[in-house]
Amino acid sequence: MTDASHAEKARHTWTLYARMYERGESLAEAAEHLGLAAEELSRAQAGLVRLGLLDTETETTVAAAAALARGLENSHRALDRLVEQHVMVASLAQNYLGFTRHANDDLRVEFYEFARSAALSKRIDELTDLAQLEVMTMHPAANWTPERLDAGDARTRRHVGQGVRVRALHAQVMLSHPMFRDRLRTRREEGMEIRVAPVIPTRMLIYDRQVAVVQADPEDMERGTVLVRGRDVVRSLAALYEFCWTNASELIDVPRSADDAALTEQQRAVLRLLATGAKDDAIARSLGVSTRTVTRLVGELTAMLGSGSRFQAGVRAARLGWLD
């Protein structure tokens, strides 16, 4: 299907919804007044159902704000489940592993209270020196001090100098801090792989997929930290990390990122197609990328523009002159 036909389909969907919502007409009445053919009505109706804008039982419209809220709630459920699983694993590691260990288990757990942060820092330094293959780090938004950043820079240099692959996931909101942006730029230049995401479930460090350092309570840093050794448990935590990494963004793909980059041509193309009402799969085909990539870019651009809808994001970008 061509971009023109996609745009026409999107126009029919929008005009049908607008007519029904503003005039209180039924689906059949609105279609008749708009002169929609049966095939056009079927496609427009399917589009409204997919967007959550049409109640299939009563064939009445749903307010866009309500549909958006439901869509956002559904999109967060999968991540919420992952976070809940992590909390469960952390609770088990902290409170119950002593009852289930057997002599042949390779599982070892150390718990560091918040007051023992100096001891934990020392253990992390030891793990840094022992890492041989890769280090994976995950950091929610935090009040980073120059001293903490300096310590992190030193560890990064030691890792990279030892030929270790180093990856870091950071909360996207941290890019609004100039000092932090500069540090990320420096670390990337020194060999660290860095991505950002709107949501980071917890603070975590994983060394060679054998040892993990995890914040005991994702919501409260002062609840302490768990250090876990054990192939099976750490592999599960590494899988959670890989999921978050796959769905995160490279710095250059984030508008006004640590690279001070303008919108890429890919982002401009996505916004232009959003303004026509095109869906993710249509945009993906047009750009020759995966639907997942498009979904990620749409989410980031919509959030950055403060838009209430995908279509509004494209329109607002045009008004701001981003598509010139």
C-alpha atoms as a PDB file:
ATOM      1  CA  MET A   1       0.000   0.000   0.000  1.00  0.00           C
ATOM      2  CA  THR A   2       1.388   3.439  -0.957  1.00  0.00           C
ATOM      3  CA  ASP A   3       1.858   6.399   1.402  1.00  0.00           C
ATOM      4  CA  ALA A   4      -1.002   8.161  -0.434  1.00  0.00           C
ATOM      5  CA  SER A   5      -3.413   5.297   0.213  1.00  0.00           C
ATOM      6  CA  HIS A   6      -2.317   5.161   3.850  1.00  0.00           C
ATOM      7  CA  ALA A   7      -2.984   8.880   4.160  1.00  0.00           C
ATOM      8  CA  GLU A   8      -6.437   8.468   2.571  1.00  0.00           C
ATOM      9  CA  LYS A   9      -7.282   5.621   4.933  1.00  0.00           C
ATOM     10  CA  ALA A  10      -6.160   7.712   7.911  1.00  0.00           C
ATOM     11  CA  ARG A  11      -8.291  10.654   6.692  1.00  0.00           C
ATOM     12  CA  HIS A  12     -11.391   8.480   6.463  1.00  0.00           C
ATOM     13  CA  THR A  13     -10.778   7.160   9.984  1.00  0.00           C
ATOM     14  CA  TRP A  14     -10.323  10.664  11.385  1.00  0.00           C
ATOM     15  CA  THR A  15     -13.318  12.226   9.632  1.00  0.00           C
ATOM     16  CA  LEU A  16     -15.580   9.328  10.650  1.00  0.00           C
ATOM     17  CA  TYR A  17     -14.574   9.693  14.286  1.00  0.00           C
ATOM     18  CA  ALA A  18     -14.925  13.483  14.206  1.00  0.00           C
ATOM     19  CA  ARG A  19     -18.416  13.276  12.712  1.00  0.00           C
ATOM     20  CA  MET A  20     -19.622  10.684  15.221  1.00  0.00           C
ATOM     21  CA  TYR A  21     -18.030  12.382  18.222  1.00  0.00           C
ATOM     22  CA  GLU A  22     -19.044  15.965  17.451  1.00  0.00           C
ATOM     23  CA  ARG A  23     -22.557  15.291  16.131  1.00  0.00           C
ATOM     24  CA  GLY A  24     -23.491  12.214  18.130  1.00  0.00           C
ATOM     25  CA  GLU A  25     -24.257  10.269  14.966  1.00  0.00           C
ATOM     26  CA  SER A  26     -24.237   6.488  14.734  1.00  0.00           C
ATOM     27  CA  LEU A  27     -21.643   4.655  12.678  1.00  0.00           C
ATOM     28  CA  ALA A  28     -24.068   4.121   9.798  1.00  0.00           C
ATOM     29  CA  GLU A  29     -25.338   7.720   9.868  1.00  0.00           C
ATOM     30  CA  ALA A  30     -21.859   9.207   9.833  1.00  0.00           C
ATOM     31  CA  ALA A  31     -20.720   6.900   7.024  1.00  0.00           C
ATOM     32  CA  GLU A  32     -23.754   7.830   4.931  1.00  0.00           C
ATOM     33  CA  HIS A  33     -23.221  11.567   5.372  1.00  0.00           C
ATOM     34  CA  LEU A  34     -19.531  11.204   4.504  1.00  0.00           C
ATOM     35  CA  GLY A  35     -20.294   9.068   1.472  1.00  0.00           C
ATOM     36  CA  LEU A  36     -17.997   6.256   2.528  1.00  0.00           C
ATOM     37  CA  ALA A  37     -18.093   3.064   0.480  1.00  0.00           C
ATOM     38  CA  ALA A  38     -18.522  -0.225   2.326  1.00  0.00           C
ATOM     39  CA  GLU A  39     -14.820  -1.084   2.057  1.00  0.00           C
ATOM     40  CA  GLU A  40     -13.782   2.403   3.215  1.00  0.00           C
ATOM     41  CA  LEU A  41     -16.175   2.194   6.166  1.00  0.00           C
ATOM     42  CA  SER A  42     -14.844  -1.242   7.128  1.00  0.00           C
ATOM     43  CA  ARG A  43     -11.238  -0.010   7.130  1.00  0.00           C
ATOM     44  CA  ALA A  44     -12.093   3.172   9.045  1.00  0.00           C
ATOM     45  CA  GLN A  45     -14.100   1.205  11.617  1.00  0.00           C
ATOM     46  CA  ALA A  46     -11.196  -1.235  12.091  1.00  0.00           C
ATOM     47  CA  GLY A  47      -8.842   1.695  12.561  1.00  0.00           C
ATOM     48  CA  LEU A  48     -11.034   3.236  15.275  1.00  0.00           C
ATOM     49  CA  VAL A  49     -11.284  -0.101  17.085  1.00  0.00           C
ATOM     50  CA  ARG A  50      -7.505  -0.549  16.933  1.00  0.00           C
ATOM     51  CA  LEU A  51      -7.029   2.930  18.420  1.00  0.00           C
ATOM     52  CA  GLY A  52      -9.587   2.224  21.158  1.00  0.00           C
ATOM     53  CA  LEU A  53     -11.760   5.089  19.904  1.00  0.00           C
ATOM     54  CA  LEU A  54     -14.864   2.959  19.169  1.00  0.00           C
ATOM     55  CA  ASP A  55     -16.927   0.878  21.607  1.00  0.00           C
ATOM     56  CA  THR A  56     -17.686  -2.254  19.561  1.00  0.00           C
ATOM     57  CA  GLU A  57     -20.762  -3.177  21.614  1.00  0.00           C
ATOM     58  CA  THR A  58     -22.593   0.144  21.366  1.00  0.00           C
ATOM     59  CA  GLU A  59     -20.814   1.451  18.229  1.00  0.00           C
ATOM     60  CA  THR A  60     -20.332   4.787  19.951  1.00  0.00           C
ATOM     61  CA  THR A  61     -17.158   6.831  20.150  1.00  0.00           C
ATOM     62  CA  VAL A  62     -14.733   6.843  23.079  1.00  0.00           C
ATOM     63  CA  ALA A  63     -13.103  10.103  24.161  1.00  0.00           C
ATOM     64  CA  ALA A  64      -9.533  10.308  22.849  1.00  0.00           C
ATOM     65  CA  ALA A  65      -8.167  11.123  26.309  1.00  0.00           C
ATOM     66  CA  ALA A  66      -9.754   7.972  27.740  1.00  0.00           C
ATOM     67  CA  ALA A  67      -8.465   5.837  24.847  1.00  0.00           C
ATOM     68  CA  LEU A  68      -4.965   7.266  25.289  1.00  0.00           C
ATOM     69  CA  ALA A  69      -4.991   6.583  29.024  1.00  0.00           C
ATOM     70  CA  ARG A  70      -6.022   2.967  28.426  1.00  0.00           C
ATOM     71  CA  GLY A  71      -3.357   2.530  25.777  1.00  0.00           C
ATOM     72  CA  LEU A  72      -0.627   3.897  28.037  1.00  0.00           C
ATOM     73  CA  GLU A  73      -1.801   1.666  30.867  1.00  0.00           C
ATOM     74  CA  ASN A  74      -1.604  -1.419  28.665  1.00  0.00           C
ATOM     75  CA  SER A  75       1.839  -0.477  27.343  1.00  0.00           C
ATOM     76  CA  HIS A  76       3.254  -0.252  30.862  1.00  0.00           C
ATOM     77  CA  ARG A  77       1.812  -3.533  32.104  1.00  0.00           C
ATOM     78  CA  ALA A  78       4.573  -5.683  30.603  1.00  0.00           C
ATOM     79  CA  LEU A  79       7.302  -3.555  32.167  1.00  0.00           C
ATOM     80  CA  ASP A  80       5.403  -3.449  35.449  1.00  0.00           C
ATOM     81  CA  ARG A  81       5.365  -7.243  35.481  1.00  0.00           C
ATOM     82  CA  LEU A  82       9.126  -7.316  34.953  1.00  0.00           C
ATOM     83  CA  VAL A  83       9.643  -4.889  37.816  1.00  0.00           C
ATOM     84  CA  GLU A  84       7.391  -6.981  40.064  1.00  0.00           C
ATOM     85  CA  GLN A  85       9.428 -10.068  39.188  1.00  0.00           C
ATOM     86  CA  HIS A  86      12.613  -8.236  40.069  1.00  0.00           C
ATOM     87  CA  VAL A  87      11.198  -7.143  43.426  1.00  0.00           C
ATOM     88  CA  MET A  88      10.223 -10.743  44.119  1.00  0.00           C
ATOM     89  CA  VAL A  89      13.721 -12.000  43.239  1.00  0.00           C
ATOM     90  CA  ALA A  90      15.316  -9.332  45.441  1.00  0.00           C
ATOM     91  CA  SER A  91      13.025 -10.195  48.358  1.00  0.00           C
ATOM     92  CA  LEU A  92      13.781 -13.895  48.012  1.00  0.00           C
ATOM     93  CA  ALA A  93      17.504 -13.226  47.852  1.00  0.00           C
ATOM     94  CA  GLN A  94      17.421 -10.977  50.899  1.00  0.00           C
ATOM     95  CA  ASN A  95      15.083 -12.867  53.192  1.00  0.00           C
ATOM     96  CA  TYR A  96      14.552 -16.496  52.195  1.00  0.00           C
ATOM     97  CA  LEU A  97      17.525 -18.016  50.421  1.00  0.00           C
ATOM     98  CA  GLY A  98      18.963 -19.244  53.708  1.00  0.00           C
ATOM     99  CA  PHE A  99      16.074 -21.706  54.003  1.00  0.00           C
ATOM    100  CA  THR A 100      16.441 -23.225  50.529  1.00  0.00           C
ATOM    101  CA  ARG A 101      20.148 -23.557  49.901  1.00  0.00           C
ATOM    102  CA  HIS A 102      21.699 -26.983  49.433  1.00  0.00           C
ATOM    103  CA  ALA A 103      25.285 -28.091  49.642  1.00  0.00           C
ATOM    104  CA  ASN A 104      25.633 -28.333  45.858  1.00  0.00           C
ATOM    105  CA  ASP A 105      24.218 -24.855  45.138  1.00  0.00           C
ATOM    106  CA  ASP A 106      26.605 -22.253  43.706  1.00  0.00           C
ATOM    107  CA  LEU A 107      24.403 -19.455  45.047  1.00  0.00           C
ATOM    108  CA  ARG A 108      25.902 -16.938  47.457  1.00  0.00           C
ATOM    109  CA  VAL A 109      24.211 -13.777  48.674  1.00  0.00           C
ATOM    110  CA  GLU A 110      25.589 -10.755  50.499  1.00  0.00           C
ATOM    111  CA  PHE A 111      23.349  -8.003  51.822  1.00  0.00           C
ATOM    112  CA  TYR A 112      24.702  -4.495  52.329  1.00  0.00           C
ATOM    113  CA  GLU A 113      22.701  -2.090  54.436  1.00  0.00           C
ATOM    114  CA  PHE A 114      22.659   1.510  53.260  1.00  0.00           C
ATOM    115  CA  ALA A 115      24.961   2.457  56.148  1.00  0.00           C
ATOM    116  CA  ARG A 116      27.598   0.100  54.716  1.00  0.00           C
ATOM    117  CA  SER A 117      27.873   1.957  51.402  1.00  0.00           C
ATOM    118  CA  ALA A 118      31.646   2.309  51.840  1.00  0.00           C
ATOM    119  CA  ALA A 119      32.037  -1.466  52.151  1.00  0.00           C
ATOM    120  CA  LEU A 120      29.820  -1.957  49.097  1.00  0.00           C
ATOM    121  CA  SER A 121      31.910   0.511  47.105  1.00  0.00           C
ATOM    122  CA  LYS A 122      35.007  -1.485  47.997  1.00  0.00           C
ATOM    123  CA  ARG A 123      33.372  -4.717  46.825  1.00  0.00           C
ATOM    124  CA  ILE A 124      32.400  -3.061  43.541  1.00  0.00           C
ATOM    125  CA  ASP A 125      36.021  -1.958  43.063  1.00  0.00           C
ATOM    126  CA  GLU A 126      37.109  -5.573  43.578  1.00  0.00           C
ATOM    127  CA  LEU A 127      34.559  -6.820  41.041  1.00  0.00           C
ATOM    128  CA  THR A 128      35.781  -4.169  38.613  1.00  0.00           C
ATOM    129  CA  ASP A 129      39.315  -5.488  38.827  1.00  0.00           C
ATOM    130  CA  LEU A 130      38.149  -9.105  38.407  1.00  0.00           C
ATOM    131  CA  ALA A 131      35.841  -8.573  35.415  1.00  0.00           C
ATOM    132  CA  GLN A 132      37.211 -10.236  32.289  1.00  0.00           C
ATOM    133  CA  LEU A 133      34.470 -10.221  29.635  1.00  0.00           C
ATOM    134  CA  GLU A 134      31.659  -7.715  30.152  1.00  0.00           C
ATOM    135  CA  VAL A 135      30.043  -5.350  32.602  1.00  0.00           C
ATOM    136  CA  MET A 136      26.373  -4.345  32.329  1.00  0.00           C
ATOM    137  CA  THR A 137      25.107  -1.400  34.363  1.00  0.00           C
ATOM    138  CA  MET A 138      21.611   0.053  34.804  1.00  0.00           C
ATOM    139  CA  HIS A 139      20.972   3.419  36.465  1.00  0.00           C
ATOM    140  CA  PRO A 140      17.604   5.097  37.217  1.00  0.00           C
ATOM    141  CA  ALA A 141      17.456   8.875  37.597  1.00  0.00           C
ATOM    142  CA  ALA A 142      19.573  10.008  40.548  1.00  0.00           C
ATOM    143  CA  ASN A 143      21.299  13.034  42.031  1.00  0.00           C
ATOM    144  CA  TRP A 144      24.778  12.308  40.714  1.00  0.00           C
ATOM    145  CA  THR A 145      27.592  14.204  42.403  1.00  0.00           C
ATOM    146  CA  PRO A 146      30.910  15.009  40.688  1.00  0.00           C
ATOM    147  CA  GLU A 147      32.615  12.627  43.135  1.00  0.00           C
ATOM    148  CA  ARG A 148      30.357   9.691  42.206  1.00  0.00           C
ATOM    149  CA  LEU A 149      30.781  10.455  38.524  1.00  0.00           C
ATOM    150  CA  ASP A 150      34.567  10.589  38.949  1.00  0.00           C
ATOM    151  CA  ALA A 151      34.514   7.168  40.619  1.00  0.00           C
ATOM    152  CA  GLY A 152      32.396   5.790  37.775  1.00  0.00           C
ATOM    153  CA  ASP A 153      34.752   7.270  35.180  1.00  0.00           C
ATOM    154  CA  ALA A 154      37.718   5.620  36.861  1.00  0.00           C
ATOM    155  CA  ARG A 155      36.007   2.226  36.843  1.00  0.00           C
ATOM    156  CA  THR A 156      35.036   2.634  33.192  1.00  0.00           C
ATOM    157  CA  ARG A 157      38.621   3.377  32.208  1.00  0.00           C
ATOM    158  CA  ARG A 158      39.866   0.326  34.114  1.00  0.00           C
ATOM    159  CA  HIS A 159      37.298  -1.905  32.436  1.00  0.00           C
ATOM    160  CA  VAL A 160      37.944  -0.642  28.918  1.00  0.00           C
ATOM    161  CA  GLY A 161      41.693  -0.768  29.508  1.00  0.00           C
ATOM    162  CA  GLN A 162      41.329  -4.447  30.378  1.00  0.00           C
ATOM    163  CA  GLY A 163      39.455  -5.147  27.126  1.00  0.00           C
ATOM    164  CA  VAL A 164      36.130  -5.589  28.905  1.00  0.00           C
ATOM    165  CA  ARG A 165      32.896  -4.736  27.089  1.00  0.00           C
ATOM    166  CA  VAL A 166      31.079  -2.107  29.137  1.00  0.00           C
ATOM    167  CA  ARG A 167      27.403  -1.221  28.634  1.00  0.00           C
ATOM    168  CA  ALA A 168      25.408   1.372  30.559  1.00  0.00           C
ATOM    169  CA  LEU A 169      21.662   2.054  30.607  1.00  0.00           C
ATOM    170  CA  HIS A 170      20.580   5.444  31.970  1.00  0.00           C
ATOM    171  CA  ALA A 171      17.272   7.183  32.553  1.00  0.00           C
ATOM    172  CA  GLN A 172      16.567   9.431  29.571  1.00  0.00           C
ATOM    173  CA  VAL A 173      15.563  12.321  31.836  1.00  0.00           C
ATOM    174  CA  MET A 174      19.191  12.604  32.990  1.00  0.00           C
ATOM    175  CA  LEU A 175      20.151  14.008  29.582  1.00  0.00           C
ATOM    176  CA  SER A 176      18.630  17.309  30.696  1.00  0.00           C
ATOM    177  CA  HIS A 177      21.619  17.834  33.042  1.00  0.00           C
ATOM    178  CA  PRO A 178      24.592  19.408  31.192  1.00  0.00           C
ATOM    179  CA  MET A 179      27.199  17.914  33.533  1.00  0.00           C
ATOM    180  CA  PHE A 180      25.776  14.437  33.075  1.00  0.00           C
ATOM    181  CA  ARG A 181      25.540  14.818  29.282  1.00  0.00           C
ATOM    182  CA  ASP A 182      29.218  15.766  29.184  1.00  0.00           C
ATOM    183  CA  ARG A 183      30.166  12.713  31.234  1.00  0.00           C
ATOM    184  CA  LEU A 184      28.214  10.409  28.940  1.00  0.00           C
ATOM    185  CA  ARG A 185      29.930  11.907  25.905  1.00  0.00           C
ATOM    186  CA  THR A 186      33.325  11.350  27.512  1.00  0.00           C
ATOM    187  CA  ARG A 187      32.551   7.789  28.527  1.00  0.00           C
ATOM    188  CA  ARG A 188      31.330   6.896  25.068  1.00  0.00           C
ATOM    189  CA  GLU A 189      34.454   8.351  23.507  1.00  0.00           C
ATOM    190  CA  GLU A 190      36.481   6.180  25.877  1.00  0.00           C
ATOM    191  CA  GLY A 191      34.770   3.012  24.708  1.00  0.00           C
ATOM    192  CA  MET A 192      31.632   2.551  26.810  1.00  0.00           C
ATOM    193  CA  GLU A 193      28.375   1.597  25.042  1.00  0.00           C
ATOM    194  CA  ILE A 194      25.551   3.811  26.310  1.00  0.00           C
ATOM    195  CA  ARG A 195      21.801   3.774  25.798  1.00  0.00           C
ATOM    196  CA  VAL A 196      18.921   5.605  27.474  1.00  0.00           C
ATOM    197  CA  ALA A 197      15.293   4.717  28.159  1.00  0.00           C
ATOM    198  CA  PRO A 198      12.286   6.567  29.602  1.00  0.00           C
ATOM    199  CA  VAL A 199      11.915   3.936  32.351  1.00  0.00           C
ATOM    200  CA  ILE A 200      14.734   2.120  34.175  1.00  0.00           C
ATOM    201  CA  PRO A 201      13.322  -0.540  36.540  1.00  0.00           C
ATOM    202  CA  THR A 202      16.113  -0.571  39.139  1.00  0.00           C
ATOM    203  CA  ARG A 203      19.788   0.057  39.802  1.00  0.00           C
ATOM    204  CA  MET A 204      21.877  -2.966  38.830  1.00  0.00           C
ATOM    205  CA  LEU A 205      25.445  -4.004  37.960  1.00  0.00           C
ATOM    206  CA  ILE A 206      26.273  -7.374  36.368  1.00  0.00           C
ATOM    207  CA  TYR A 207      29.824  -8.703  36.049  1.00  0.00           C
ATOM    208  CA  ASP A 208      30.618 -11.452  33.515  1.00  0.00           C
ATOM    209  CA  ARG A 209      27.043 -12.753  33.980  1.00  0.00           C
ATOM    210  CA  GLN A 210      28.225 -14.387  37.198  1.00  0.00           C
ATOM    211  CA  VAL A 211      27.847 -11.676  39.840  1.00  0.00           C
ATOM    212  CA  ALA A 212      25.078  -9.085  40.158  1.00  0.00           C
ATOM    213  CA  VAL A 213      24.755  -6.081  42.443  1.00  0.00           C
ATOM    214  CA  VAL A 214      21.096  -5.065  42.708  1.00  0.00           C
ATOM    215  CA  GLN A 215      19.258  -2.409  44.682  1.00  0.00           C
ATOM    216  CA  ALA A 216      17.109  -4.352  47.167  1.00  0.00           C
ATOM    217  CA  ASP A 217      14.048  -2.118  46.726  1.00  0.00           C
ATOM    218  CA  PRO A 218      13.687  -0.322  43.369  1.00  0.00           C
ATOM    219  CA  GLU A 219      11.689   2.438  45.073  1.00  0.00           C
ATOM    220  CA  ASP A 220      14.007   3.064  48.033  1.00  0.00           C
ATOM    221  CA  MET A 221      17.797   3.137  47.761  1.00  0.00           C
ATOM    222  CA  GLU A 222      18.127   3.232  51.545  1.00  0.00           C
ATOM    223  CA  ARG A 223      16.715  -0.297  51.825  1.00  0.00           C
ATOM    224  CA  GLY A 224      20.158  -1.601  50.957  1.00  0.00           C
ATOM    225  CA  THR A 225      21.809  -3.588  48.192  1.00  0.00           C
ATOM    226  CA  VAL A 226      22.027  -7.306  47.389  1.00  0.00           C
ATOM    227  CA  LEU A 227      25.152  -8.890  45.896  1.00  0.00           C
ATOM    228  CA  VAL A 228      24.325 -12.208  44.244  1.00  0.00           C
ATOM    229  CA  ARG A 229      26.670 -14.907  42.954  1.00  0.00           C
ATOM    230  CA  GLY A 230      25.023 -17.797  41.150  1.00  0.00           C
ATOM    231  CA  ARG A 231      24.727 -18.722  37.511  1.00  0.00           C
ATOM    232  CA  ASP A 232      20.979 -19.273  37.303  1.00  0.00           C
ATOM    233  CA  VAL A 233      19.842 -16.205  39.251  1.00  0.00           C
ATOM    234  CA  VAL A 234      22.335 -13.888  37.560  1.00  0.00           C
ATOM    235  CA  ARG A 235      21.397 -15.226  34.124  1.00  0.00           C
ATOM    236  CA  SER A 236      17.786 -14.262  34.850  1.00  0.00           C
ATOM    237  CA  LEU A 237      18.848 -10.754  35.834  1.00  0.00           C
ATOM    238  CA  ALA A 238      21.000 -10.540  32.698  1.00  0.00           C
ATOM    239  CA  ALA A 239      17.937 -11.476  30.619  1.00  0.00           C
ATOM    240  CA  LEU A 240      16.021  -8.587  32.203  1.00  0.00           C
ATOM    241  CA  TYR A 241      18.929  -6.306  31.343  1.00  0.00           C
ATOM    242  CA  GLU A 242      19.028  -7.489  27.723  1.00  0.00           C
ATOM    243  CA  PHE A 243      15.294  -6.827  27.392  1.00  0.00           C
ATOM    244  CA  CYS A 244      15.726  -3.254  28.616  1.00  0.00           C
ATOM    245  CA  TRP A 245      18.833  -2.759  26.437  1.00  0.00           C
ATOM    246  CA  THR A 246      17.050  -3.930  23.298  1.00  0.00           C
ATOM    247  CA  ASN A 247      14.215  -1.455  23.867  1.00  0.00           C
ATOM    248  CA  ALA A 248      16.464   1.472  24.786  1.00  0.00           C
ATOM    249  CA  SER A 249      17.772   4.211  22.467  1.00  0.00           C
ATOM    250  CA  GLU A 250      21.221   5.143  21.277  1.00  0.00           C
ATOM    251  CA  LEU A 251      22.203   8.655  22.309  1.00  0.00           C
ATOM    252  CA  ILE A 252      22.263   9.844  18.720  1.00  0.00           C
ATOM    253  CA  ASP A 253      18.631   8.722  18.289  1.00  0.00           C
ATOM    254  CA  VAL A 254      17.394  10.931  21.129  1.00  0.00           C
ATOM    255  CA  PRO A 255      16.621  14.527  20.068  1.00  0.00           C
ATOM    256  CA  ARG A 256      18.744  17.055  21.961  1.00  0.00           C
ATOM    257  CA  SER A 257      20.759  14.191  23.359  1.00  0.00           C
ATOM    258  CA  ALA A 258      24.245  14.075  24.845  1.00  0.00           C
ATOM    259  CA  ASP A 259      25.546  14.678  21.345  1.00  0.00           C
ATOM    260  CA  ASP A 260      23.497  17.895  21.063  1.00  0.00           C
ATOM    261  CA  ALA A 261      22.163  16.270  17.885  1.00  0.00           C
ATOM    262  CA  ALA A 262      19.306  17.686  15.873  1.00  0.00           C
ATOM    263  CA  LEU A 263      16.595  15.412  14.580  1.00  0.00           C
ATOM    264  CA  THR A 264      17.886  12.701  12.284  1.00  0.00           C
ATOM    265  CA  GLU A 265      16.404  12.207   8.838  1.00  0.00           C
ATOM    266  CA  GLN A 266      14.798   9.017  10.117  1.00  0.00           C
ATOM    267  CA  GLN A 267      13.088  10.919  12.940  1.00  0.00           C
ATOM    268  CA  ARG A 268      11.913  13.617  10.535  1.00  0.00           C
ATOM    269  CA  ALA A 269      10.482  10.942   8.246  1.00  0.00           C
ATOM    270  CA  VAL A 270       8.641   9.330  11.157  1.00  0.00           C
ATOM    271  CA  LEU A 271       7.137  12.677  12.182  1.00  0.00           C
ATOM    272  CA  ARG A 272       6.035  13.466   8.628  1.00  0.00           C
ATOM    273  CA  LEU A 273       4.263  10.123   8.382  1.00  0.00           C
ATOM    274  CA  LEU A 274       2.713  10.574  11.826  1.00  0.00           C
ATOM    275  CA  ALA A 275       1.190  13.818  10.594  1.00  0.00           C
ATOM    276  CA  THR A 276      -0.642  11.799   7.902  1.00  0.00           C
ATOM    277  CA  GLY A 277      -2.031   9.359  10.468  1.00  0.00           C
ATOM    278  CA  ALA A 278       0.147   6.441   9.308  1.00  0.00           C
ATOM    279  CA  LYS A 279       0.515   3.475  11.669  1.00  0.00           C
ATOM    280  CA  ASP A 280       3.736   1.889  12.912  1.00  0.00           C
ATOM    281  CA  ASP A 281       3.697  -1.018  10.462  1.00  0.00           C
ATOM    282  CA  ALA A 282       3.129   1.331   7.517  1.00  0.00           C
ATOM    283  CA  ILE A 283       5.909   3.646   8.670  1.00  0.00           C
ATOM    284  CA  ALA A 284       8.239   0.665   9.138  1.00  0.00           C
ATOM    285  CA  ARG A 285       7.588  -0.528   5.582  1.00  0.00           C
ATOM    286  CA  SER A 286       8.088   2.959   4.197  1.00  0.00           C
ATOM    287  CA  LEU A 287      11.420   3.437   5.988  1.00  0.00           C
ATOM    288  CA  GLY A 288      12.645  -0.135   5.667  1.00  0.00           C
ATOM    289  CA  VAL A 289      13.056  -0.664   9.429  1.00  0.00           C
ATOM    290  CA  SER A 290      11.402  -2.906  12.001  1.00  0.00           C
ATOM    291  CA  THR A 291       8.035  -2.064  13.538  1.00  0.00           C
ATOM    292  CA  ARG A 292       9.672  -2.204  16.987  1.00  0.00           C
ATOM    293  CA  THR A 293      12.135   0.509  15.957  1.00  0.00           C
ATOM    294  CA  VAL A 294       9.291   2.715  14.754  1.00  0.00           C
ATOM    295  CA  THR A 295       7.276   2.134  17.946  1.00  0.00           C
ATOM    296  CA  ARG A 296      10.273   3.150  20.042  1.00  0.00           C
ATOM    297  CA  LEU A 297      10.933   6.281  17.985  1.00  0.00           C
ATOM    298  CA  VAL A 298       7.264   7.300  18.063  1.00  0.00           C
ATOM    299  CA  GLY A 299       7.157   6.934  21.849  1.00  0.00           C
ATOM    300  CA  GLU A 300      10.282   9.023  22.327  1.00  0.00           C
ATOM    301  CA  LEU A 301       9.230  11.772  19.920  1.00  0.00           C
ATOM    302  CA  THR A 302       5.702  11.962  21.302  1.00  0.00           C
ATOM    303  CA  ALA A 303       6.982  12.200  24.878  1.00  0.00           C
ATOM    304  CA  MET A 304       9.552  14.851  23.972  1.00  0.00           C
ATOM    305  CA  LEU A 305       6.966  16.963  22.150  1.00  0.00           C
ATOM    306  CA  GLY A 306       4.507  16.638  25.033  1.00  0.00           C
ATOM    307  CA  SER A 307       1.841  15.497  22.598  1.00  0.00           C
ATOM    308  CA  GLY A 308      -1.417  13.826  23.504  1.00  0.00           C
ATOM    309  CA  SER A 309      -1.471  11.720  20.338  1.00  0.00           C
ATOM    310  CA  ARG A 310       0.715  10.477  17.517  1.00  0.00           C
ATOM    311  CA  PHE A 311      -1.009  12.727  14.980  1.00  0.00           C
ATOM    312  CA  GLN A 312      -0.591  15.726  17.273  1.00  0.00           C
ATOM    313  CA  ALA A 313       3.139  15.000  17.536  1.00  0.00           C
ATOM    314  CA  GLY A 314       3.531  15.301  13.756  1.00  0.00           C
ATOM    315  CA  VAL A 315       1.487  18.486  13.605  1.00  0.00           C
ATOM    316  CA  ARG A 316       3.339  20.061  16.530  1.00  0.00           C
ATOM    317  CA  ALA A 317       6.715  19.179  15.006  1.00  0.00           C
ATOM    318  CA  ALA A 318       5.673  20.904  11.781  1.00  0.00           C
ATOM    319  CA  ARG A 319       4.604  24.039  13.673  1.00  0.00           C
ATOM    320  CA  LEU A 320       7.954  24.097  15.473  1.00  0.00           C
ATOM    321  CA  GLY A 321       9.747  23.985  12.159  1.00  0.00           C
ATOM    322  CA  TRP A 322      11.362  20.634  12.859  1.00  0.00           C
ATOM    323  CA  LEU A 323      10.377  19.219   9.489  1.00  0.00           C
ATOM    324  CA  ASP A 324      11.761  22.042   7.354  1.00  0.00           C
END
